[in-house]
């Protein structure tokens, strides 16, 4: 079972959809994050949960 780390991003209500898309695309492209969940609130703000896989390195023994 893969392990993930999570990051919550809060997007206030005044931020446009285009700006939000650009923000999330930058996180995905440069930080290797993927979208896990989006929650929209009645006031128009959004809370976005991003996740990325934790890759553990195994030490080689000689």
C-alpha atoms as a PDB file:
ATOM      1  CA  UNK A   1       0.000   0.000   0.000  1.00  0.00           C
ATOM      2  CA  UNK A   2       1.565   3.313  -1.012  1.00  0.00           C
ATOM      3  CA  UNK A   3       2.079   6.057   1.541  1.00  0.00           C
ATOM      4  CA  UNK A   4       1.140   9.649   0.782  1.00  0.00           C
ATOM      5  CA  UNK A   5       1.891  13.037   2.227  1.00  0.00           C
ATOM      6  CA  UNK A   6      -0.828  15.670   2.096  1.00  0.00           C
ATOM      7  CA  UNK A   7      -0.958  19.422   1.721  1.00  0.00           C
ATOM      8  CA  UNK A   8      -4.041  21.559   2.245  1.00  0.00           C
ATOM      9  CA  UNK A   9      -4.379  24.693   0.135  1.00  0.00           C
ATOM     10  CA  UNK A  10      -6.967  27.331   0.979  1.00  0.00           C
ATOM     11  CA  UNK A  11      -8.269  29.414  -1.918  1.00  0.00           C
ATOM     12  CA  UNK A  12     -10.238  32.499  -0.845  1.00  0.00           C
ATOM     13  CA  UNK A  13     -13.509  33.411  -2.501  1.00  0.00           C
ATOM     14  CA  UNK A  14     -12.160  36.297  -4.594  1.00  0.00           C
ATOM     15  CA  UNK A  15      -9.710  34.128  -6.542  1.00  0.00           C
ATOM     16  CA  UNK A  16     -10.862  33.358 -10.079  1.00  0.00           C
ATOM     17  CA  UNK A  17     -11.232  29.881 -11.449  1.00  0.00           C
ATOM     18  CA  UNK A  18      -8.400  30.508 -13.913  1.00  0.00           C
ATOM     19  CA  UNK A  19      -6.024  31.617 -11.158  1.00  0.00           C
ATOM     20  CA  UNK A  20      -6.958  28.589  -9.054  1.00  0.00           C
ATOM     21  CA  UNK A  21      -6.300  26.274 -11.992  1.00  0.00           C
ATOM     22  CA  UNK A  22      -2.910  27.905 -12.580  1.00  0.00           C
ATOM     23  CA  UNK A  23      -2.007  27.569  -8.884  1.00  0.00           C
ATOM     24  CA  UNK A  24      -2.920  23.876  -8.765  1.00  0.00           C
ATOM     25  CA  UNK A  25      -1.182  23.191 -12.082  1.00  0.00           C
ATOM     26  CA  UNK A  26       2.032  24.710 -10.716  1.00  0.00           C
ATOM     27  CA  UNK A  27       1.815  22.513  -7.614  1.00  0.00           C
ATOM     28  CA  UNK A  28       1.287  19.451  -9.788  1.00  0.00           C
ATOM     29  CA  UNK A  29       3.972  20.257 -12.321  1.00  0.00           C
ATOM     30  CA  UNK A  30       6.786  21.405 -10.049  1.00  0.00           C
ATOM     31  CA  UNK A  31       5.985  19.683  -6.759  1.00  0.00           C
ATOM     32  CA  UNK A  32       4.591  16.402  -8.136  1.00  0.00           C
ATOM     33  CA  UNK A  33       1.331  16.864  -6.246  1.00  0.00           C
ATOM     34  CA  UNK A  34      -1.966  15.410  -7.419  1.00  0.00           C
ATOM     35  CA  UNK A  35      -5.500  16.424  -6.550  1.00  0.00           C
ATOM     36  CA  UNK A  36      -7.037  14.372  -3.757  1.00  0.00           C
ATOM     37  CA  UNK A  37     -10.132  16.401  -2.787  1.00  0.00           C
ATOM     38  CA  UNK A  38     -11.802  19.761  -3.353  1.00  0.00           C
ATOM     39  CA  UNK A  39     -14.313  21.206  -0.948  1.00  0.00           C
ATOM     40  CA  UNK A  40     -16.314  24.308  -1.840  1.00  0.00           C
ATOM     41  CA  UNK A  41     -17.900  26.378   0.887  1.00  0.00           C
ATOM     42  CA  UNK A  42     -21.112  28.433   0.665  1.00  0.00           C
ATOM     43  CA  UNK A  43     -19.123  31.693   0.712  1.00  0.00           C
ATOM     44  CA  UNK A  44     -17.302  30.641  -2.497  1.00  0.00           C
ATOM     45  CA  UNK A  45     -13.955  29.722  -0.935  1.00  0.00           C
ATOM     46  CA  UNK A  46     -12.320  26.370  -1.594  1.00  0.00           C
ATOM     47  CA  UNK A  47     -10.156  24.013   0.417  1.00  0.00           C
ATOM     48  CA  UNK A  48      -8.069  21.781  -1.804  1.00  0.00           C
ATOM     49  CA  UNK A  49      -6.243  18.713  -0.533  1.00  0.00           C
ATOM     50  CA  UNK A  50      -3.233  17.651  -2.574  1.00  0.00           C
ATOM     51  CA  UNK A  51      -1.280  14.448  -2.162  1.00  0.00           C
ATOM     52  CA  UNK A  52       1.967  12.976  -3.390  1.00  0.00           C
ATOM     53  CA  UNK A  53       3.454   9.594  -2.940  1.00  0.00           C
ATOM     54  CA  UNK A  54       6.265   9.093  -0.442  1.00  0.00           C
ATOM     55  CA  UNK A  55       9.055   7.141  -2.060  1.00  0.00           C
ATOM     56  CA  UNK A  56      11.267   5.384   0.442  1.00  0.00           C
ATOM     57  CA  UNK A  57      14.798   4.584  -0.567  1.00  0.00           C
ATOM     58  CA  UNK A  58      16.203   1.219   0.410  1.00  0.00           C
ATOM     59  CA  UNK A  59      19.832   1.190   1.470  1.00  0.00           C
ATOM     60  CA  UNK A  60      21.988  -1.227  -0.425  1.00  0.00           C
ATOM     61  CA  UNK A  61      24.230  -3.404   1.724  1.00  0.00           C
ATOM     62  CA  UNK A  62      27.571  -4.408   0.283  1.00  0.00           C
END
